[in-house]
Amino acid sequence: MKDIQQDRFIISVKVGPKGQITIPKEVREMFDIKEGETLMVLGDKERGIAILKSDAFYAMAEEKFK
């Protein structure tokens, strides 16, 4: 992992034969991602891919639709 600042990172992961990636320990700790937790994968052909914790995604969606 390449640290930029304490709250940012650059990291590479490889996609396995089943299309899976491993979220590195440092990233799981930074975002408090626990085993079994649901994550949301968002994609846009121009902007790329984002991964969010489901509770953060639903909070964002709820705020957007108020």
PDB file of N, CA and C in Angstrom:
ATOM      1  N   MET A   1       0.842  -1.174   0.000  1.00  0.00           N
ATOM      2  CA  MET A   1       0.000   0.000   0.000  1.00  0.00           C
ATOM      3  C   MET A   1       0.883   1.231   0.000  1.00  0.00           C
ATOM      4  N   LYS A   2       0.521   2.202  -0.785  1.00  0.00           N
ATOM      5  CA  LYS A   2       1.258   3.452  -0.868  1.00  0.00           C
ATOM      6  C   LYS A   2       0.457   4.529  -0.156  1.00  0.00           C
ATOM      7  N   ASP A   3       0.962   5.023   0.968  1.00  0.00           N
ATOM      8  CA  ASP A   3       0.271   6.059   1.717  1.00  0.00           C
ATOM      9  C   ASP A   3       0.480   7.416   1.060  1.00  0.00           C
ATOM     10  N   ILE A   4      -0.595   8.165   0.918  1.00  0.00           N
ATOM     11  CA  ILE A   4      -0.510   9.548   0.461  1.00  0.00           C
ATOM     12  C   ILE A   4      -0.651  10.448   1.684  1.00  0.00           C
ATOM     13  N   GLN A   5      -1.693  10.210   2.439  1.00  0.00           N
ATOM     14  CA  GLN A   5      -1.955  10.882   3.706  1.00  0.00           C
ATOM     15  C   GLN A   5      -2.566   9.836   4.614  1.00  0.00           C
ATOM     16  N   GLN A   6      -2.817  10.162   5.847  1.00  0.00           N
ATOM     17  CA  GLN A   6      -3.409   9.198   6.759  1.00  0.00           C
ATOM     18  C   GLN A   6      -4.807   8.782   6.331  1.00  0.00           C
ATOM     19  N   ASP A   7      -5.536   9.631   5.631  1.00  0.00           N
ATOM     20  CA  ASP A   7      -6.912   9.312   5.256  1.00  0.00           C
ATOM     21  C   ASP A   7      -7.071   8.969   3.772  1.00  0.00           C
ATOM     22  N   ARG A   8      -5.976   8.686   3.084  1.00  0.00           N
ATOM     23  CA  ARG A   8      -6.026   8.332   1.669  1.00  0.00           C
ATOM     24  C   ARG A   8      -5.038   7.205   1.390  1.00  0.00           C
ATOM     25  N   PHE A   9      -5.245   6.518   0.270  1.00  0.00           N
ATOM     26  CA  PHE A   9      -4.338   5.443  -0.094  1.00  0.00           C
ATOM     27  C   PHE A   9      -4.410   5.174  -1.587  1.00  0.00           C
ATOM     28  N   ILE A  10      -3.391   4.535  -2.086  1.00  0.00           N
ATOM     29  CA  ILE A  10      -3.363   3.990  -3.439  1.00  0.00           C
ATOM     30  C   ILE A  10      -2.951   2.534  -3.274  1.00  0.00           C
ATOM     31  N   ILE A  11      -3.687   1.640  -3.889  1.00  0.00           N
ATOM     32  CA  ILE A  11      -3.385   0.221  -3.737  1.00  0.00           C
ATOM     33  C   ILE A  11      -3.820  -0.517  -4.993  1.00  0.00           C
ATOM     34  N   SER A  12      -3.144  -1.584  -5.300  1.00  0.00           N
ATOM     35  CA  SER A  12      -3.574  -2.408  -6.427  1.00  0.00           C
ATOM     36  C   SER A  12      -3.988  -3.767  -5.882  1.00  0.00           C
ATOM     37  N   VAL A  13      -5.005  -4.342  -6.490  1.00  0.00           N
ATOM     38  CA  VAL A  13      -5.460  -5.682  -6.144  1.00  0.00           C
ATOM     39  C   VAL A  13      -5.640  -6.445  -7.443  1.00  0.00           C
ATOM     40  N   LYS A  14      -5.504  -7.755  -7.377  1.00  0.00           N
ATOM     41  CA  LYS A  14      -5.689  -8.586  -8.563  1.00  0.00           C
ATOM     42  C   LYS A  14      -7.055  -9.247  -8.507  1.00  0.00           C
ATOM     43  N   VAL A  15      -7.659  -9.378  -9.672  1.00  0.00           N
ATOM     44  CA  VAL A  15      -8.935 -10.068  -9.785  1.00  0.00           C
ATOM     45  C   VAL A  15      -8.639 -11.551  -9.961  1.00  0.00           C
ATOM     46  N   GLY A  16      -9.247 -12.374  -9.098  1.00  0.00           N
ATOM     47  CA  GLY A  16      -9.039 -13.814  -9.150  1.00  0.00           C
ATOM     48  C   GLY A  16      -9.883 -14.469 -10.240  1.00  0.00           C
ATOM     49  N   PRO A  17      -9.740 -15.777 -10.407  1.00  0.00           N
ATOM     50  CA  PRO A  17     -10.435 -16.496 -11.465  1.00  0.00           C
ATOM     51  C   PRO A  17     -11.962 -16.435 -11.361  1.00  0.00           C
ATOM     52  N   LYS A  18     -12.491 -16.183 -10.167  1.00  0.00           N
ATOM     53  CA  LYS A  18     -13.936 -16.071  -9.988  1.00  0.00           C
ATOM     54  C   LYS A  18     -14.402 -14.614 -10.022  1.00  0.00           C
ATOM     55  N   GLY A  19     -13.515 -13.694 -10.398  1.00  0.00           N
ATOM     56  CA  GLY A  19     -13.863 -12.278 -10.460  1.00  0.00           C
ATOM     57  C   GLY A  19     -13.821 -11.598  -9.101  1.00  0.00           C
ATOM     58  N   GLN A  20     -13.211 -12.230  -8.115  1.00  0.00           N
ATOM     59  CA  GLN A  20     -13.159 -11.689  -6.767  1.00  0.00           C
ATOM     60  C   GLN A  20     -11.880 -10.905  -6.527  1.00  0.00           C
ATOM     61  N   ILE A  21     -11.987  -9.916  -5.627  1.00  0.00           N
ATOM     62  CA  ILE A  21     -10.803  -9.187  -5.171  1.00  0.00           C
ATOM     63  C   ILE A  21     -10.753  -9.300  -3.647  1.00  0.00           C
ATOM     64  N   THR A  22      -9.578  -9.137  -3.091  1.00  0.00           N
ATOM     65  CA  THR A  22      -9.417  -9.088  -1.645  1.00  0.00           C
ATOM     66  C   THR A  22      -9.216  -7.640  -1.241  1.00  0.00           C
ATOM     67  N   ILE A  23      -9.999  -7.195  -0.277  1.00  0.00           N
ATOM     68  CA  ILE A  23      -9.830  -5.848   0.249  1.00  0.00           C
ATOM     69  C   ILE A  23      -8.731  -5.921   1.298  1.00  0.00           C
ATOM     70  N   PRO A  24      -7.636  -5.211   1.092  1.00  0.00           N
ATOM     71  CA  PRO A  24      -6.502  -5.297   2.017  1.00  0.00           C
ATOM     72  C   PRO A  24      -6.887  -4.918   3.453  1.00  0.00           C
ATOM     73  N   LYS A  25      -6.198  -5.510   4.402  1.00  0.00           N
ATOM     74  CA  LYS A  25      -6.454  -5.305   5.824  1.00  0.00           C
ATOM     75  C   LYS A  25      -6.467  -3.825   6.201  1.00  0.00           C
ATOM     76  N   GLU A  26      -5.507  -3.066   5.706  1.00  0.00           N
ATOM     77  CA  GLU A  26      -5.418  -1.643   6.043  1.00  0.00           C
ATOM     78  C   GLU A  26      -6.671  -0.888   5.597  1.00  0.00           C
ATOM     79  N   VAL A  27      -7.201  -1.268   4.445  1.00  0.00           N
ATOM     80  CA  VAL A  27      -8.406  -0.620   3.925  1.00  0.00           C
ATOM     81  C   VAL A  27      -9.621  -1.040   4.761  1.00  0.00           C
ATOM     82  N   ARG A  28      -9.712  -2.339   5.082  1.00  0.00           N
ATOM     83  CA  ARG A  28     -10.820  -2.815   5.922  1.00  0.00           C
ATOM     84  C   ARG A  28     -10.810  -2.114   7.274  1.00  0.00           C
ATOM     85  N   GLU A  29      -9.621  -1.927   7.838  1.00  0.00           N
ATOM     86  CA  GLU A  29      -9.516  -1.228   9.126  1.00  0.00           C
ATOM     87  C   GLU A  29      -9.891   0.239   8.988  1.00  0.00           C
ATOM     88  N   MET A  30      -9.415   0.895   7.933  1.00  0.00           N
ATOM     89  CA  MET A  30      -9.703   2.313   7.724  1.00  0.00           C
ATOM     90  C   MET A  30     -11.203   2.567   7.627  1.00  0.00           C
ATOM     91  N   PHE A  31     -11.915   1.673   6.938  1.00  0.00           N
ATOM     92  CA  PHE A  31     -13.345   1.858   6.710  1.00  0.00           C
ATOM     93  C   PHE A  31     -14.211   0.977   7.604  1.00  0.00           C
ATOM     94  N   ASP A  32     -13.594   0.320   8.582  1.00  0.00           N
ATOM     95  CA  ASP A  32     -14.305  -0.521   9.539  1.00  0.00           C
ATOM     96  C   ASP A  32     -15.205  -1.538   8.829  1.00  0.00           C
ATOM     97  N   ILE A  33     -14.643  -2.243   7.854  1.00  0.00           N
ATOM     98  CA  ILE A  33     -15.359  -3.271   7.105  1.00  0.00           C
ATOM     99  C   ILE A  33     -15.142  -4.608   7.810  1.00  0.00           C
ATOM    100  N   LYS A  34     -16.241  -5.224   8.198  1.00  0.00           N
ATOM    101  CA  LYS A  34     -16.188  -6.483   8.939  1.00  0.00           C
ATOM    102  C   LYS A  34     -16.577  -7.657   8.037  1.00  0.00           C
ATOM    103  N   GLU A  35     -16.135  -8.842   8.407  1.00  0.00           N
ATOM    104  CA  GLU A  35     -16.486 -10.059   7.679  1.00  0.00           C
ATOM    105  C   GLU A  35     -18.009 -10.200   7.625  1.00  0.00           C
ATOM    106  N   GLY A  36     -18.535 -10.525   6.450  1.00  0.00           N
ATOM    107  CA  GLY A  36     -19.969 -10.729   6.267  1.00  0.00           C
ATOM    108  C   GLY A  36     -20.749  -9.468   5.968  1.00  0.00           C
ATOM    109  N   GLU A  37     -20.105  -8.318   6.051  1.00  0.00           N
ATOM    110  CA  GLU A  37     -20.779  -7.050   5.794  1.00  0.00           C
ATOM    111  C   GLU A  37     -21.099  -6.914   4.304  1.00  0.00           C
ATOM    112  N   THR A  38     -22.215  -6.259   4.002  1.00  0.00           N
ATOM    113  CA  THR A  38     -22.622  -6.040   2.618  1.00  0.00           C
ATOM    114  C   THR A  38     -22.033  -4.731   2.100  1.00  0.00           C
ATOM    115  N   LEU A  39     -21.437  -4.797   0.914  1.00  0.00           N
ATOM    116  CA  LEU A  39     -20.894  -3.617   0.255  1.00  0.00           C
ATOM    117  C   LEU A  39     -21.657  -3.397  -1.051  1.00  0.00           C
ATOM    118  N   MET A  40     -21.729  -2.165  -1.481  1.00  0.00           N
ATOM    119  CA  MET A  40     -22.381  -1.809  -2.736  1.00  0.00           C
ATOM    120  C   MET A  40     -21.286  -1.462  -3.751  1.00  0.00           C
ATOM    121  N   VAL A  41     -21.394  -1.997  -4.957  1.00  0.00           N
ATOM    122  CA  VAL A  41     -20.452  -1.686  -6.028  1.00  0.00           C
ATOM    123  C   VAL A  41     -21.201  -0.830  -7.045  1.00  0.00           C
ATOM    124  N   LEU A  42     -20.710   0.382  -7.246  1.00  0.00           N
ATOM    125  CA  LEU A  42     -21.312   1.311  -8.194  1.00  0.00           C
ATOM    126  C   LEU A  42     -20.376   1.444  -9.382  1.00  0.00           C
ATOM    127  N   GLY A  43     -20.927   1.505 -10.584  1.00  0.00           N
ATOM    128  CA  GLY A  43     -20.080   1.614 -11.768  1.00  0.00           C
ATOM    129  C   GLY A  43     -20.609   2.626 -12.766  1.00  0.00           C
ATOM    130  N   ASP A  44     -19.701   3.307 -13.393  1.00  0.00           N
ATOM    131  CA  ASP A  44     -19.999   4.271 -14.442  1.00  0.00           C
ATOM    132  C   ASP A  44     -18.879   4.147 -15.466  1.00  0.00           C
ATOM    133  N   LYS A  45     -19.229   3.927 -16.729  1.00  0.00           N
ATOM    134  CA  LYS A  45     -18.199   3.706 -17.754  1.00  0.00           C
ATOM    135  C   LYS A  45     -17.194   4.844 -17.847  1.00  0.00           C
ATOM    136  N   GLU A  46     -17.621   6.064 -17.618  1.00  0.00           N
ATOM    137  CA  GLU A  46     -16.710   7.209 -17.719  1.00  0.00           C
ATOM    138  C   GLU A  46     -15.959   7.492 -16.425  1.00  0.00           C
ATOM    139  N   ARG A  47     -16.613   7.268 -15.272  1.00  0.00           N
ATOM    140  CA  ARG A  47     -16.018   7.654 -13.993  1.00  0.00           C
ATOM    141  C   ARG A  47     -15.373   6.511 -13.234  1.00  0.00           C
ATOM    142  N   GLY A  48     -15.706   5.258 -13.577  1.00  0.00           N
ATOM    143  CA  GLY A  48     -15.063   4.123 -12.931  1.00  0.00           C
ATOM    144  C   GLY A  48     -15.953   3.420 -11.927  1.00  0.00           C
ATOM    145  N   ILE A  49     -15.322   2.747 -10.985  1.00  0.00           N
ATOM    146  CA  ILE A  49     -15.997   1.910 -10.000  1.00  0.00           C
ATOM    147  C   ILE A  49     -15.793   2.492  -8.608  1.00  0.00           C
ATOM    148  N   ALA A  50     -16.852   2.425  -7.793  1.00  0.00           N
ATOM    149  CA  ALA A  50     -16.771   2.828  -6.386  1.00  0.00           C
ATOM    150  C   ALA A  50     -17.352   1.711  -5.544  1.00  0.00           C
ATOM    151  N   ILE A  51     -16.794   1.497  -4.374  1.00  0.00           N
ATOM    152  CA  ILE A  51     -17.297   0.509  -3.435  1.00  0.00           C
ATOM    153  C   ILE A  51     -17.665   1.249  -2.150  1.00  0.00           C
ATOM    154  N   LEU A  52     -18.910   1.077  -1.717  1.00  0.00           N
ATOM    155  CA  LEU A  52     -19.401   1.745  -0.515  1.00  0.00           C
ATOM    156  C   LEU A  52     -19.968   0.722   0.453  1.00  0.00           C
ATOM    157  N   LYS A  53     -19.868   1.009   1.745  1.00  0.00           N
ATOM    158  CA  LYS A  53     -20.578   0.200   2.723  1.00  0.00           C
ATOM    159  C   LYS A  53     -22.068   0.436   2.483  1.00  0.00           C
ATOM    160  N   SER A  54     -22.869  -0.594   2.632  1.00  0.00           N
ATOM    161  CA  SER A  54     -24.290  -0.478   2.307  1.00  0.00           C
ATOM    162  C   SER A  54     -24.984   0.581   3.160  1.00  0.00           C
ATOM    163  N   ASP A  55     -24.633   0.702   4.443  1.00  0.00           N
ATOM    164  CA  ASP A  55     -25.297   1.711   5.275  1.00  0.00           C
ATOM    165  C   ASP A  55     -24.992   3.122   4.793  1.00  0.00           C
ATOM    166  N   ALA A  56     -23.775   3.362   4.325  1.00  0.00           N
ATOM    167  CA  ALA A  56     -23.418   4.675   3.777  1.00  0.00           C
ATOM    168  C   ALA A  56     -24.173   4.936   2.484  1.00  0.00           C
ATOM    169  N   PHE A  57     -24.310   3.912   1.653  1.00  0.00           N
ATOM    170  CA  PHE A  57     -25.046   4.057   0.392  1.00  0.00           C
ATOM    171  C   PHE A  57     -26.514   4.393   0.657  1.00  0.00           C
ATOM    172  N   TYR A  58     -27.143   3.643   1.566  1.00  0.00           N
ATOM    173  CA  TYR A  58     -28.568   3.885   1.847  1.00  0.00           C
ATOM    174  C   TYR A  58     -28.789   5.242   2.498  1.00  0.00           C
ATOM    175  N   ALA A  59     -27.872   5.686   3.346  1.00  0.00           N
ATOM    176  CA  ALA A  59     -27.972   7.017   3.944  1.00  0.00           C
ATOM    177  C   ALA A  59     -27.868   8.090   2.866  1.00  0.00           C
ATOM    178  N   MET A  60     -26.959   7.890   1.920  1.00  0.00           N
ATOM    179  CA  MET A  60     -26.801   8.842   0.817  1.00  0.00           C
ATOM    180  C   MET A  60     -28.058   8.857  -0.045  1.00  0.00           C
ATOM    181  N   ALA A  61     -28.605   7.688  -0.346  1.00  0.00           N
ATOM    182  CA  ALA A  61     -29.810   7.597  -1.173  1.00  0.00           C
ATOM    183  C   ALA A  61     -30.999   8.231  -0.462  1.00  0.00           C
ATOM    184  N   GLU A  62     -31.128   7.992   0.825  1.00  0.00           N
ATOM    185  CA  GLU A  62     -32.234   8.573   1.593  1.00  0.00           C
ATOM    186  C   GLU A  62     -32.158  10.086   1.563  1.00  0.00           C
ATOM    187  N   GLU A  63     -30.960  10.634   1.747  1.00  0.00           N
ATOM    188  CA  GLU A  63     -30.779  12.093   1.726  1.00  0.00           C
ATOM    189  C   GLU A  63     -31.127  12.661   0.346  1.00  0.00           C
ATOM    190  N   LYS A  64     -30.748  11.940  -0.701  1.00  0.00           N
ATOM    191  CA  LYS A  64     -30.978  12.395  -2.078  1.00  0.00           C
ATOM    192  C   LYS A  64     -32.479  12.453  -2.401  1.00  0.00           C
ATOM    193  N   PHE A  65     -33.248  11.518  -1.828  1.00  0.00           N
ATOM    194  CA  PHE A  65     -34.664  11.428  -2.173  1.00  0.00           C
ATOM    195  C   PHE A  65     -35.586  12.148  -1.190  1.00  0.00           C
ATOM    196  N   LYS A  66     -35.035  12.928  -0.279  1.00  0.00           N
ATOM    197  CA  LYS A  66     -35.858  13.722   0.658  1.00  0.00           C
ATOM    198  C   LYS A  66     -36.511  14.876  -0.060  1.00  0.00           C
TER     199      LYS A  66
END
